Amino acid sequence: MITYLYWIAVISVALFVFWGVGRYLRWKAGLIGGLAVLLIGWLMYFFHYEQHFVKNYGGVMSIEVPKGQMHIQATWKDENLWIENYNPENNTCIFSEYSKGNLLEGRVTIKNCNPLMPKAEQ
């Protein structure tokens, strides 16, 4: 629901800029201004607001597990989504901070991690 409200607001502002600038100045300038508002709104949503809306207001977002890995868990740390996957090929656990566009993305790798199988007793 919050996502719909966000897009309604962005599109309304873009139309207002297009109509307001186009009617009183030039239509070409209004079109450029409206498209700039849409582009900035899309970039803000893609790089920041999608995750914020999902965590704080409920929403839907999809993430794919990399090929060859198995998903273990996901958790929120402040405003960041951390995902733990297991790579059976090299026996490592990978904690990855999910961020669209791979900006400020953290990654922690634990070697010799085998969470799916109990360790053999010696």
PDB file of N, CA and C in Angstrom:
ATOM      1  N   MET A   1       0.821  -1.194   0.000  1.00  0.00           N
ATOM      2  CA  MET A   1       0.000   0.000   0.000  1.00  0.00           C
ATOM      3  C   MET A   1       0.863   1.254   0.000  1.00  0.00           C
ATOM      4  N   ILE A   2       1.911   1.253   0.840  1.00  0.00           N
ATOM      5  CA  ILE A   2       2.779   2.435   0.918  1.00  0.00           C
ATOM      6  C   ILE A   2       3.495   2.664  -0.407  1.00  0.00           C
ATOM      7  N   THR A   3       3.812   1.580  -1.104  1.00  0.00           N
ATOM      8  CA  THR A   3       4.478   1.713  -2.401  1.00  0.00           C
ATOM      9  C   THR A   3       3.555   2.411  -3.401  1.00  0.00           C
ATOM     10  N   TYR A   4       2.280   2.042  -3.383  1.00  0.00           N
ATOM     11  CA  TYR A   4       1.323   2.695  -4.277  1.00  0.00           C
ATOM     12  C   TYR A   4       1.224   4.185  -3.975  1.00  0.00           C
ATOM     13  N   LEU A   5       1.192   4.521  -2.696  1.00  0.00           N
ATOM     14  CA  LEU A   5       1.118   5.935  -2.315  1.00  0.00           C
ATOM     15  C   LEU A   5       2.367   6.696  -2.771  1.00  0.00           C
ATOM     16  N   TYR A   6       3.518   6.056  -2.644  1.00  0.00           N
ATOM     17  CA  TYR A   6       4.766   6.681  -3.089  1.00  0.00           C
ATOM     18  C   TYR A   6       4.698   6.980  -4.589  1.00  0.00           C
ATOM     19  N   TRP A   7       4.292   5.981  -5.380  1.00  0.00           N
ATOM     20  CA  TRP A   7       4.256   6.174  -6.827  1.00  0.00           C
ATOM     21  C   TRP A   7       3.175   7.160  -7.244  1.00  0.00           C
ATOM     22  N   ILE A   8       2.061   7.172  -6.549  1.00  0.00           N
ATOM     23  CA  ILE A   8       1.032   8.184  -6.829  1.00  0.00           C
ATOM     24  C   ILE A   8       1.592   9.576  -6.585  1.00  0.00           C
ATOM     25  N   ALA A   9       2.342   9.748  -5.489  1.00  0.00           N
ATOM     26  CA  ALA A   9       2.934  11.051  -5.186  1.00  0.00           C
ATOM     27  C   ALA A   9       3.973  11.448  -6.237  1.00  0.00           C
ATOM     28  N   VAL A  10       4.840  10.515  -6.622  1.00  0.00           N
ATOM     29  CA  VAL A  10       5.884  10.823  -7.617  1.00  0.00           C
ATOM     30  C   VAL A  10       5.253  11.191  -8.956  1.00  0.00           C
ATOM     31  N   ILE A  11       4.285  10.417  -9.398  1.00  0.00           N
ATOM     32  CA  ILE A  11       3.644  10.695 -10.681  1.00  0.00           C
ATOM     33  C   ILE A  11       2.862  12.006 -10.625  1.00  0.00           C
ATOM     34  N   SER A  12       2.222  12.284  -9.494  1.00  0.00           N
ATOM     35  CA  SER A  12       1.495  13.550  -9.346  1.00  0.00           C
ATOM     36  C   SER A  12       2.431  14.749  -9.426  1.00  0.00           C
ATOM     37  N   VAL A  13       3.571  14.668  -8.752  1.00  0.00           N
ATOM     38  CA  VAL A  13       4.544  15.763  -8.810  1.00  0.00           C
ATOM     39  C   VAL A  13       5.086  15.918 -10.226  1.00  0.00           C
ATOM     40  N   ALA A  14       5.362  14.791 -10.900  1.00  0.00           N
ATOM     41  CA  ALA A  14       5.866  14.856 -12.276  1.00  0.00           C
ATOM     42  C   ALA A  14       4.838  15.508 -13.204  1.00  0.00           C
ATOM     43  N   LEU A  15       3.581  15.139 -13.053  1.00  0.00           N
ATOM     44  CA  LEU A  15       2.534  15.749 -13.885  1.00  0.00           C
ATOM     45  C   LEU A  15       2.356  17.231 -13.562  1.00  0.00           C
ATOM     46  N   PHE A  16       2.454  17.562 -12.283  1.00  0.00           N
ATOM     47  CA  PHE A  16       2.345  18.969 -11.888  1.00  0.00           C
ATOM     48  C   PHE A  16       3.477  19.801 -12.480  1.00  0.00           C
ATOM     49  N   VAL A  17       4.700  19.261 -12.431  1.00  0.00           N
ATOM     50  CA  VAL A  17       5.850  19.968 -13.015  1.00  0.00           C
ATOM     51  C   VAL A  17       5.662  20.092 -14.525  1.00  0.00           C
ATOM     52  N   PHE A  18       5.256  19.002 -15.176  1.00  0.00           N
ATOM     53  CA  PHE A  18       5.028  19.036 -16.620  1.00  0.00           C
ATOM     54  C   PHE A  18       3.972  20.087 -16.987  1.00  0.00           C
ATOM     55  N   TRP A  19       2.834  20.044 -16.302  1.00  0.00           N
ATOM     56  CA  TRP A  19       1.747  20.975 -16.614  1.00  0.00           C
ATOM     57  C   TRP A  19       2.108  22.403 -16.223  1.00  0.00           C
ATOM     58  N   GLY A  20       2.648  22.574 -14.997  1.00  0.00           N
ATOM     59  CA  GLY A  20       2.954  23.921 -14.509  1.00  0.00           C
ATOM     60  C   GLY A  20       4.028  24.619 -15.318  1.00  0.00           C
ATOM     61  N   VAL A  21       5.132  23.944 -15.542  1.00  0.00           N
ATOM     62  CA  VAL A  21       6.224  24.542 -16.310  1.00  0.00           C
ATOM     63  C   VAL A  21       5.835  24.640 -17.783  1.00  0.00           C
ATOM     64  N   GLY A  22       5.179  23.616 -18.293  1.00  0.00           N
ATOM     65  CA  GLY A  22       4.795  23.616 -19.700  1.00  0.00           C
ATOM     66  C   GLY A  22       3.778  24.685 -20.039  1.00  0.00           C
ATOM     67  N   ARG A  23       2.835  24.915 -19.177  1.00  0.00           N
ATOM     68  CA  ARG A  23       1.782  25.887 -19.461  1.00  0.00           C
ATOM     69  C   ARG A  23       2.297  27.317 -19.363  1.00  0.00           C
ATOM     70  N   TYR A  24       3.132  27.577 -18.362  1.00  0.00           N
ATOM     71  CA  TYR A  24       3.559  28.953 -18.130  1.00  0.00           C
ATOM     72  C   TYR A  24       4.902  29.298 -18.765  1.00  0.00           C
ATOM     73  N   LEU A  25       5.716  28.312 -19.078  1.00  0.00           N
ATOM     74  CA  LEU A  25       7.002  28.596 -19.736  1.00  0.00           C
ATOM     75  C   LEU A  25       7.024  27.943 -21.117  1.00  0.00           C
ATOM     76  N   ARG A  26       7.508  26.709 -21.159  1.00  0.00           N
ATOM     77  CA  ARG A  26       7.569  25.975 -22.426  1.00  0.00           C
ATOM     78  C   ARG A  26       7.261  24.513 -22.166  1.00  0.00           C
ATOM     79  N   TRP A  27       6.594  23.896 -23.129  1.00  0.00           N
ATOM     80  CA  TRP A  27       6.230  22.489 -22.963  1.00  0.00           C
ATOM     81  C   TRP A  27       7.452  21.578 -22.962  1.00  0.00           C
ATOM     82  N   LYS A  28       8.469  21.937 -23.724  1.00  0.00           N
ATOM     83  CA  LYS A  28       9.687  21.123 -23.748  1.00  0.00           C
ATOM     84  C   LYS A  28      10.355  21.124 -22.379  1.00  0.00           C
ATOM     85  N   ALA A  29      10.439  22.299 -21.747  1.00  0.00           N
ATOM     86  CA  ALA A  29      11.016  22.391 -20.405  1.00  0.00           C
ATOM     87  C   ALA A  29      10.151  21.631 -19.404  1.00  0.00           C
ATOM     88  N   GLY A  30       8.830  21.698 -19.561  1.00  0.00           N
ATOM     89  CA  GLY A  30       7.933  20.953 -18.680  1.00  0.00           C
ATOM     90  C   GLY A  30       8.111  19.454 -18.816  1.00  0.00           C
ATOM     91  N   LEU A  31       8.278  18.995 -20.048  1.00  0.00           N
ATOM     92  CA  LEU A  31       8.501  17.566 -20.286  1.00  0.00           C
ATOM     93  C   LEU A  31       9.819  17.112 -19.659  1.00  0.00           C
ATOM     94  N   ILE A  32      10.861  17.885 -19.848  1.00  0.00           N
ATOM     95  CA  ILE A  32      12.165  17.535 -19.267  1.00  0.00           C
ATOM     96  C   ILE A  32      12.080  17.526 -17.747  1.00  0.00           C
ATOM     97  N   GLY A  33      11.408  18.523 -17.174  1.00  0.00           N
ATOM     98  CA  GLY A  33      11.256  18.572 -15.714  1.00  0.00           C
ATOM     99  C   GLY A  33      10.445  17.403 -15.186  1.00  0.00           C
ATOM    100  N   GLY A  34       9.342  17.061 -15.856  1.00  0.00           N
ATOM    101  CA  GLY A  34       8.526  15.922 -15.433  1.00  0.00           C
ATOM    102  C   GLY A  34       9.276  14.607 -15.517  1.00  0.00           C
ATOM    103  N   LEU A  35      10.034  14.422 -16.598  1.00  0.00           N
ATOM    104  CA  LEU A  35      10.833  13.200 -16.739  1.00  0.00           C
ATOM    105  C   LEU A  35      11.948  13.142 -15.692  1.00  0.00           C
ATOM    106  N   ALA A  36      12.520  14.302 -15.356  1.00  0.00           N
ATOM    107  CA  ALA A  36      13.552  14.341 -14.314  1.00  0.00           C
ATOM    108  C   ALA A  36      12.969  13.932 -12.962  1.00  0.00           C
ATOM    109  N   VAL A  37      11.768  14.397 -12.650  1.00  0.00           N
ATOM    110  CA  VAL A  37      11.116  14.003 -11.396  1.00  0.00           C
ATOM    111  C   VAL A  37      10.863  12.495 -11.377  1.00  0.00           C
ATOM    112  N   LEU A  38      10.381  11.922 -12.486  1.00  0.00           N
ATOM    113  CA  LEU A  38      10.157  10.473 -12.562  1.00  0.00           C
ATOM    114  C   LEU A  38      11.455   9.697 -12.398  1.00  0.00           C
ATOM    115  N   LEU A  39      12.523  10.151 -13.045  1.00  0.00           N
ATOM    116  CA  LEU A  39      13.808   9.470 -12.944  1.00  0.00           C
ATOM    117  C   LEU A  39      14.352   9.515 -11.521  1.00  0.00           C
ATOM    118  N   ILE A  40      14.312  10.667 -10.900  1.00  0.00           N
ATOM    119  CA  ILE A  40      14.799  10.801  -9.525  1.00  0.00           C
ATOM    120  C   ILE A  40      13.952   9.959  -8.575  1.00  0.00           C
ATOM    121  N   GLY A  41      12.626   9.957  -8.760  1.00  0.00           N
ATOM    122  CA  GLY A  41      11.745   9.134  -7.932  1.00  0.00           C
ATOM    123  C   GLY A  41      12.030   7.655  -8.081  1.00  0.00           C
ATOM    124  N   TRP A  42      12.284   7.216  -9.322  1.00  0.00           N
ATOM    125  CA  TRP A  42      12.597   5.806  -9.558  1.00  0.00           C
ATOM    126  C   TRP A  42      13.937   5.428  -8.920  1.00  0.00           C
ATOM    127  N   LEU A  43      14.951   6.283  -9.087  1.00  0.00           N
ATOM    128  CA  LEU A  43      16.259   5.995  -8.491  1.00  0.00           C
ATOM    129  C   LEU A  43      16.183   5.954  -6.972  1.00  0.00           C
ATOM    130  N   MET A  44      15.429   6.879  -6.376  1.00  0.00           N
ATOM    131  CA  MET A  44      15.286   6.882  -4.918  1.00  0.00           C
ATOM    132  C   MET A  44      14.596   5.600  -4.445  1.00  0.00           C
ATOM    133  N   TYR A  45      13.582   5.160  -5.161  1.00  0.00           N
ATOM    134  CA  TYR A  45      12.891   3.932  -4.792  1.00  0.00           C
ATOM    135  C   TYR A  45      13.813   2.732  -4.949  1.00  0.00           C
ATOM    136  N   PHE A  46      14.473   2.643  -6.075  1.00  0.00           N
ATOM    137  CA  PHE A  46      15.316   1.486  -6.380  1.00  0.00           C
ATOM    138  C   PHE A  46      16.474   1.342  -5.402  1.00  0.00           C
ATOM    139  N   PHE A  47      17.130   2.442  -5.057  1.00  0.00           N
ATOM    140  CA  PHE A  47      18.324   2.366  -4.226  1.00  0.00           C
ATOM    141  C   PHE A  47      18.066   2.523  -2.733  1.00  0.00           C
ATOM    142  N   HIS A  48      16.892   2.980  -2.307  1.00  0.00           N
ATOM    143  CA  HIS A  48      16.693   3.191  -0.882  1.00  0.00           C
ATOM    144  C   HIS A  48      15.312   2.781  -0.384  1.00  0.00           C
ATOM    145  N   TYR A  49      14.272   3.327  -0.958  1.00  0.00           N
ATOM    146  CA  TYR A  49      12.954   3.212  -0.354  1.00  0.00           C
ATOM    147  C   TYR A  49      12.337   1.823  -0.402  1.00  0.00           C
ATOM    148  N   GLU A  50      12.653   1.002  -1.380  1.00  0.00           N
ATOM    149  CA  GLU A  50      12.036  -0.320  -1.455  1.00  0.00           C
ATOM    150  C   GLU A  50      12.302  -1.104  -0.176  1.00  0.00           C
ATOM    151  N   GLN A  51      13.564  -1.191   0.243  1.00  0.00           N
ATOM    152  CA  GLN A  51      13.920  -1.929   1.446  1.00  0.00           C
ATOM    153  C   GLN A  51      13.325  -1.272   2.689  1.00  0.00           C
ATOM    154  N   HIS A  52      13.337   0.058   2.725  1.00  0.00           N
ATOM    155  CA  HIS A  52      12.779   0.798   3.858  1.00  0.00           C
ATOM    156  C   HIS A  52      11.283   0.535   3.988  1.00  0.00           C
ATOM    157  N   PHE A  53      10.561   0.556   2.883  1.00  0.00           N
ATOM    158  CA  PHE A  53       9.122   0.313   2.915  1.00  0.00           C
ATOM    159  C   PHE A  53       8.812  -1.113   3.364  1.00  0.00           C
ATOM    160  N   VAL A  54       9.567  -2.085   2.873  1.00  0.00           N
ATOM    161  CA  VAL A  54       9.319  -3.488   3.227  1.00  0.00           C
ATOM    162  C   VAL A  54       9.539  -3.705   4.716  1.00  0.00           C
ATOM    163  N   LYS A  55      10.612  -3.164   5.257  1.00  0.00           N
ATOM    164  CA  LYS A  55      10.927  -3.385   6.670  1.00  0.00           C
ATOM    165  C   LYS A  55       9.968  -2.654   7.595  1.00  0.00           C
ATOM    166  N   ASN A  56       9.677  -1.404   7.315  1.00  0.00           N
ATOM    167  CA  ASN A  56       8.930  -0.584   8.260  1.00  0.00           C
ATOM    168  C   ASN A  56       7.423  -0.549   8.040  1.00  0.00           C
ATOM    169  N   TYR A  57       6.966  -0.750   6.821  1.00  0.00           N
ATOM    170  CA  TYR A  57       5.544  -0.587   6.539  1.00  0.00           C
ATOM    171  C   TYR A  57       4.905  -1.815   5.905  1.00  0.00           C
ATOM    172  N   GLY A  58       5.658  -2.859   5.711  1.00  0.00           N
ATOM    173  CA  GLY A  58       5.131  -4.046   5.044  1.00  0.00           C
ATOM    174  C   GLY A  58       5.208  -3.849   3.542  1.00  0.00           C
ATOM    175  N   GLY A  59       5.500  -4.872   2.870  1.00  0.00           N
ATOM    176  CA  GLY A  59       5.622  -4.776   1.424  1.00  0.00           C
ATOM    177  C   GLY A  59       6.179  -6.072   0.882  1.00  0.00           C
ATOM    178  N   VAL A  60       6.527  -6.052  -0.376  1.00  0.00           N
ATOM    179  CA  VAL A  60       7.016  -7.253  -1.035  1.00  0.00           C
ATOM    180  C   VAL A  60       8.280  -6.911  -1.796  1.00  0.00           C
ATOM    181  N   MET A  61       9.276  -7.771  -1.653  1.00  0.00           N
ATOM    182  CA  MET A  61      10.472  -7.648  -2.476  1.00  0.00           C
ATOM    183  C   MET A  61      11.035  -9.041  -2.693  1.00  0.00           C
ATOM    184  N   SER A  62      11.682  -9.254  -3.802  1.00  0.00           N
ATOM    185  CA  SER A  62      12.198 -10.578  -4.162  1.00  0.00           C
ATOM    186  C   SER A  62      13.708 -10.537  -4.278  1.00  0.00           C
ATOM    187  N   ILE A  63      14.341 -11.596  -3.790  1.00  0.00           N
ATOM    188  CA  ILE A  63      15.789 -11.739  -3.863  1.00  0.00           C
ATOM    189  C   ILE A  63      16.068 -13.164  -4.335  1.00  0.00           C
ATOM    190  N   GLU A  64      17.015 -13.320  -5.225  1.00  0.00           N
ATOM    191  CA  GLU A  64      17.366 -14.648  -5.718  1.00  0.00           C
ATOM    192  C   GLU A  64      18.632 -15.152  -5.027  1.00  0.00           C
ATOM    193  N   VAL A  65      18.637 -16.435  -4.690  1.00  0.00           N
ATOM    194  CA  VAL A  65      19.820 -17.070  -4.113  1.00  0.00           C
ATOM    195  C   VAL A  65      20.780 -17.364  -5.261  1.00  0.00           C
ATOM    196  N   PRO A  66      22.066 -16.985  -5.111  1.00  0.00           N
ATOM    197  CA  PRO A  66      23.026 -17.256  -6.187  1.00  0.00           C
ATOM    198  C   PRO A  66      23.098 -18.746  -6.519  1.00  0.00           C
ATOM    199  N   LYS A  67      23.330 -19.035  -7.770  1.00  0.00           N
ATOM    200  CA  LYS A  67      23.400 -20.418  -8.249  1.00  0.00           C
ATOM    201  C   LYS A  67      24.506 -21.176  -7.513  1.00  0.00           C
ATOM    202  N   GLY A  68      24.189 -22.372  -7.075  1.00  0.00           N
ATOM    203  CA  GLY A  68      25.164 -23.215  -6.388  1.00  0.00           C
ATOM    204  C   GLY A  68      25.188 -23.003  -4.881  1.00  0.00           C
ATOM    205  N   GLN A  69      24.407 -22.060  -4.353  1.00  0.00           N
ATOM    206  CA  GLN A  69      24.363 -21.812  -2.918  1.00  0.00           C
ATOM    207  C   GLN A  69      23.005 -22.215  -2.366  1.00  0.00           C
ATOM    208  N   MET A  70      22.961 -22.448  -1.058  1.00  0.00           N
ATOM    209  CA  MET A  70      21.713 -22.761  -0.368  1.00  0.00           C
ATOM    210  C   MET A  70      21.445 -21.672   0.654  1.00  0.00           C
ATOM    211  N   HIS A  71      20.195 -21.247   0.733  1.00  0.00           N
ATOM    212  CA  HIS A  71      19.826 -20.186   1.664  1.00  0.00           C
ATOM    213  C   HIS A  71      19.661 -20.762   3.071  1.00  0.00           C
ATOM    214  N   ILE A  72      20.178 -20.049   4.073  1.00  0.00           N
ATOM    215  CA  ILE A  72      20.044 -20.475   5.462  1.00  0.00           C
ATOM    216  C   ILE A  72      19.100 -19.545   6.214  1.00  0.00           C
ATOM    217  N   GLN A  73      19.381 -18.234   6.192  1.00  0.00           N
ATOM    218  CA  GLN A  73      18.530 -17.299   6.931  1.00  0.00           C
ATOM    219  C   GLN A  73      18.697 -15.886   6.411  1.00  0.00           C
ATOM    220  N   ALA A  74      17.773 -15.027   6.833  1.00  0.00           N
ATOM    221  CA  ALA A  74      17.841 -13.599   6.537  1.00  0.00           C
ATOM    222  C   ALA A  74      17.444 -12.843   7.797  1.00  0.00           C
ATOM    223  N   THR A  75      18.084 -11.708   8.050  1.00  0.00           N
ATOM    224  CA  THR A  75      17.777 -10.922   9.232  1.00  0.00           C
ATOM    225  C   THR A  75      18.012  -9.446   8.947  1.00  0.00           C
ATOM    226  N   TRP A  76      17.300  -8.608   9.679  1.00  0.00           N
ATOM    227  CA  TRP A  76      17.476  -7.164   9.563  1.00  0.00           C
ATOM    228  C   TRP A  76      18.424  -6.699  10.645  1.00  0.00           C
ATOM    229  N   LYS A  77      19.369  -5.875  10.300  1.00  0.00           N
ATOM    230  CA  LYS A  77      20.238  -5.191  11.249  1.00  0.00           C
ATOM    231  C   LYS A  77      20.092  -3.709  10.947  1.00  0.00           C
ATOM    232  N   ASP A  78      19.400  -2.999  11.828  1.00  0.00           N
ATOM    233  CA  ASP A  78      19.021  -1.607  11.607  1.00  0.00           C
ATOM    234  C   ASP A  78      18.192  -1.539  10.315  1.00  0.00           C
ATOM    235  N   GLU A  79      18.652  -0.825   9.330  1.00  0.00           N
ATOM    236  CA  GLU A  79      17.903  -0.697   8.069  1.00  0.00           C
ATOM    237  C   GLU A  79      18.450  -1.614   6.980  1.00  0.00           C
ATOM    238  N   ASN A  80      19.363  -2.507   7.324  1.00  0.00           N
ATOM    239  CA  ASN A  80      20.024  -3.337   6.326  1.00  0.00           C
ATOM    240  C   ASN A  80      19.577  -4.786   6.435  1.00  0.00           C
ATOM    241  N   LEU A  81      19.343  -5.414   5.300  1.00  0.00           N
ATOM    242  CA  LEU A  81      18.976  -6.822   5.244  1.00  0.00           C
ATOM    243  C   LEU A  81      20.232  -7.650   5.017  1.00  0.00           C
ATOM    244  N   TRP A  82      20.500  -8.571   5.948  1.00  0.00           N
ATOM    245  CA  TRP A  82      21.640  -9.473   5.843  1.00  0.00           C
ATOM    246  C   TRP A  82      21.120 -10.869   5.532  1.00  0.00           C
ATOM    247  N   ILE A  83      21.750 -11.516   4.570  1.00  0.00           N
ATOM    248  CA  ILE A  83      21.321 -12.831   4.109  1.00  0.00           C
ATOM    249  C   ILE A  83      22.479 -13.806   4.291  1.00  0.00           C
ATOM    250  N   GLU A  84      22.182 -14.987   4.864  1.00  0.00           N
ATOM    251  CA  GLU A  84      23.214 -16.016   5.020  1.00  0.00           C
ATOM    252  C   GLU A  84      22.936 -17.147   4.049  1.00  0.00           C
ATOM    253  N   ASN A  85      23.922 -17.448   3.241  1.00  0.00           N
ATOM    254  CA  ASN A  85      23.851 -18.563   2.302  1.00  0.00           C
ATOM    255  C   ASN A  85      25.009 -19.510   2.575  1.00  0.00           C
ATOM    256  N   TYR A  86      24.869 -20.734   2.142  1.00  0.00           N
ATOM    257  CA  TYR A  86      25.907 -21.756   2.297  1.00  0.00           C
ATOM    258  C   TYR A  86      26.337 -22.227   0.922  1.00  0.00           C
ATOM    259  N   ASN A  87      27.649 -22.258   0.702  1.00  0.00           N
ATOM    260  CA  ASN A  87      28.211 -22.744  -0.554  1.00  0.00           C
ATOM    261  C   ASN A  87      28.832 -24.112  -0.298  1.00  0.00           C
ATOM    262  N   PRO A  88      28.176 -25.209  -0.726  1.00  0.00           N
ATOM    263  CA  PRO A  88      28.707 -26.544  -0.439  1.00  0.00           C
ATOM    264  C   PRO A  88      29.974 -26.892  -1.220  1.00  0.00           C
ATOM    265  N   GLU A  89      30.254 -26.191  -2.318  1.00  0.00           N
ATOM    266  CA  GLU A  89      31.447 -26.503  -3.111  1.00  0.00           C
ATOM    267  C   GLU A  89      32.734 -26.263  -2.334  1.00  0.00           C
ATOM    268  N   ASN A  90      32.790 -25.135  -1.612  1.00  0.00           N
ATOM    269  CA  ASN A  90      34.012 -24.833  -0.857  1.00  0.00           C
ATOM    270  C   ASN A  90      33.760 -24.757   0.644  1.00  0.00           C
ATOM    271  N   ASN A  91      32.595 -25.252   1.101  1.00  0.00           N
ATOM    272  CA  ASN A  91      32.264 -25.365   2.514  1.00  0.00           C
ATOM    273  C   ASN A  91      32.386 -24.026   3.252  1.00  0.00           C
ATOM    274  N   THR A  92      31.741 -22.997   2.714  1.00  0.00           N
ATOM    275  CA  THR A  92      31.774 -21.679   3.348  1.00  0.00           C
ATOM    276  C   THR A  92      30.358 -21.146   3.548  1.00  0.00           C
ATOM    277  N   CYS A  93      30.201 -20.367   4.622  1.00  0.00           N
ATOM    278  CA  CYS A  93      28.968 -19.624   4.863  1.00  0.00           C
ATOM    279  C   CYS A  93      29.241 -18.180   4.463  1.00  0.00           C
ATOM    280  N   ILE A  94      28.298 -17.592   3.774  1.00  0.00           N
ATOM    281  CA  ILE A  94      28.484 -16.236   3.264  1.00  0.00           C
ATOM    282  C   ILE A  94      27.356 -15.358   3.798  1.00  0.00           C
ATOM    283  N   PHE A  95      27.725 -14.359   4.602  1.00  0.00           N
ATOM    284  CA  PHE A  95      26.772 -13.356   5.056  1.00  0.00           C
ATOM    285  C   PHE A  95      26.907 -12.168   4.123  1.00  0.00           C
ATOM    286  N   SER A  96      25.821 -11.815   3.456  1.00  0.00           N
ATOM    287  CA  SER A  96      25.851 -10.706   2.506  1.00  0.00           C
ATOM    288  C   SER A  96      24.815  -9.669   2.900  1.00  0.00           C
ATOM    289  N   GLU A  97      25.229  -8.417   2.859  1.00  0.00           N
ATOM    290  CA  GLU A  97      24.287  -7.330   3.064  1.00  0.00           C
ATOM    291  C   GLU A  97      23.620  -7.071   1.726  1.00  0.00           C
ATOM    292  N   TYR A  98      22.300  -7.137   1.706  1.00  0.00           N
ATOM    293  CA  TYR A  98      21.591  -6.937   0.458  1.00  0.00           C
ATOM    294  C   TYR A  98      21.376  -5.455   0.221  1.00  0.00           C
ATOM    295  N   SER A  99      21.794  -5.005  -0.935  1.00  0.00           N
ATOM    296  CA  SER A  99      21.548  -3.623  -1.321  1.00  0.00           C
ATOM    297  C   SER A  99      21.440  -3.583  -2.825  1.00  0.00           C
ATOM    298  N   LYS A 100      20.411  -2.927  -3.304  1.00  0.00           N
ATOM    299  CA  LYS A 100      20.241  -2.823  -4.750  1.00  0.00           C
ATOM    300  C   LYS A 100      21.334  -1.948  -5.322  1.00  0.00           C
ATOM    301  N   GLY A 101      21.829  -2.317  -6.452  1.00  0.00           N
ATOM    302  CA  GLY A 101      22.871  -1.548  -7.094  1.00  0.00           C
ATOM    303  C   GLY A 101      24.255  -1.825  -6.523  1.00  0.00           C
ATOM    304  N   ASN A 102      24.349  -2.743  -5.556  1.00  0.00           N
ATOM    305  CA  ASN A 102      25.615  -3.108  -4.918  1.00  0.00           C
ATOM    306  C   ASN A 102      26.354  -1.915  -4.337  1.00  0.00           C
ATOM    307  N   LEU A 103      25.617  -0.966  -3.773  1.00  0.00           N
ATOM    308  CA  LEU A 103      26.236   0.174  -3.124  1.00  0.00           C
ATOM    309  C   LEU A 103      26.375  -0.110  -1.635  1.00  0.00           C
ATOM    310  N   LEU A 104      27.548   0.107  -1.092  1.00  0.00           N
ATOM    311  CA  LEU A 104      27.810  -0.076   0.337  1.00  0.00           C
ATOM    312  C   LEU A 104      27.387  -1.461   0.808  1.00  0.00           C
ATOM    313  N   GLU A 105      27.753  -2.454   0.060  1.00  0.00           N
ATOM    314  CA  GLU A 105      27.353  -3.815   0.376  1.00  0.00           C
ATOM    315  C   GLU A 105      28.445  -4.516   1.161  1.00  0.00           C
ATOM    316  N   GLY A 106      28.100  -5.031   2.352  1.00  0.00           N
ATOM    317  CA  GLY A 106      29.058  -5.756   3.176  1.00  0.00           C
ATOM    318  C   GLY A 106      29.012  -7.240   2.882  1.00  0.00           C
ATOM    319  N   ARG A 107      30.105  -7.920   3.217  1.00  0.00           N
ATOM    320  CA  ARG A 107      30.169  -9.364   2.983  1.00  0.00           C
ATOM    321  C   ARG A 107      31.135  -9.975   3.992  1.00  0.00           C
ATOM    322  N   VAL A 108      30.684 -11.057   4.635  1.00  0.00           N
ATOM    323  CA  VAL A 108      31.514 -11.794   5.585  1.00  0.00           C
ATOM    324  C   VAL A 108      31.500 -13.246   5.148  1.00  0.00           C
ATOM    325  N   THR A 109      32.677 -13.851   5.036  1.00  0.00           N
ATOM    326  CA  THR A 109      32.790 -15.246   4.628  1.00  0.00           C
ATOM    327  C   THR A 109      33.388 -16.048   5.779  1.00  0.00           C
ATOM    328  N   ILE A 110      32.721 -17.133   6.141  1.00  0.00           N
ATOM    329  CA  ILE A 110      33.221 -18.029   7.186  1.00  0.00           C
ATOM    330  C   ILE A 110      33.664 -19.312   6.504  1.00  0.00           C
ATOM    331  N   LYS A 111      34.948 -19.620   6.618  1.00  0.00           N
ATOM    332  CA  LYS A 111      35.494 -20.817   5.980  1.00  0.00           C
ATOM    333  C   LYS A 111      35.278 -22.032   6.885  1.00  0.00           C
ATOM    334  N   ASN A 112      35.269 -23.205   6.291  1.00  0.00           N
ATOM    335  CA  ASN A 112      35.053 -24.471   6.985  1.00  0.00           C
ATOM    336  C   ASN A 112      33.760 -24.442   7.806  1.00  0.00           C
ATOM    337  N   CYS A 113      32.752 -23.905   7.240  1.00  0.00           N
ATOM    338  CA  CYS A 113      31.438 -23.827   7.871  1.00  0.00           C
ATOM    339  C   CYS A 113      30.569 -24.868   7.217  1.00  0.00           C
ATOM    340  N   ASN A 114      29.979 -25.734   8.011  1.00  0.00           N
ATOM    341  CA  ASN A 114      29.112 -26.773   7.475  1.00  0.00           C
ATOM    342  C   ASN A 114      27.853 -26.842   8.313  1.00  0.00           C
ATOM    343  N   PRO A 115      26.948 -25.885   8.158  1.00  0.00           N
ATOM    344  CA  PRO A 115      25.777 -25.826   9.034  1.00  0.00           C
ATOM    345  C   PRO A 115      24.712 -26.867   8.731  1.00  0.00           C
ATOM    346  N   LEU A 116      24.791 -27.506   7.587  1.00  0.00           N
ATOM    347  CA  LEU A 116      23.737 -28.422   7.185  1.00  0.00           C
ATOM    348  C   LEU A 116      23.970 -29.844   7.621  1.00  0.00           C
ATOM    349  N   MET A 117      25.184 -30.163   8.016  1.00  0.00           N
ATOM    350  CA  MET A 117      25.515 -31.524   8.413  1.00  0.00           C
ATOM    351  C   MET A 117      26.170 -31.483   9.789  1.00  0.00           C
ATOM    352  N   PRO A 118      25.815 -32.391  10.685  1.00  0.00           N
ATOM    353  CA  PRO A 118      26.481 -32.412  11.990  1.00  0.00           C
ATOM    354  C   PRO A 118      27.925 -32.839  11.828  1.00  0.00           C
ATOM    355  N   LYS A 119      28.766 -32.298  12.688  1.00  0.00           N
ATOM    356  CA  LYS A 119      30.189 -32.647  12.619  1.00  0.00           C
ATOM    357  C   LYS A 119      30.394 -34.051  13.191  1.00  0.00           C
ATOM    358  N   ALA A 120      31.319 -34.767  12.598  1.00  0.00           N
ATOM    359  CA  ALA A 120      31.628 -36.102  13.068  1.00  0.00           C
ATOM    360  C   ALA A 120      32.352 -36.008  14.413  1.00  0.00           C
ATOM    361  N   GLU A 121      31.905 -36.826  15.373  1.00  0.00           N
ATOM    362  CA  GLU A 121      32.554 -36.817  16.693  1.00  0.00           C
ATOM    363  C   GLU A 121      33.854 -37.582  16.619  1.00  0.00           C
ATOM    364  N   GLN A 122      34.823 -37.093  17.380  1.00  0.00           N
ATOM    365  CA  GLN A 122      36.150 -37.745  17.338  1.00  0.00           C
ATOM    366  C   GLN A 122      36.403 -38.489  18.596  1.00  0.00           C
TER     367      GLN A 122
END
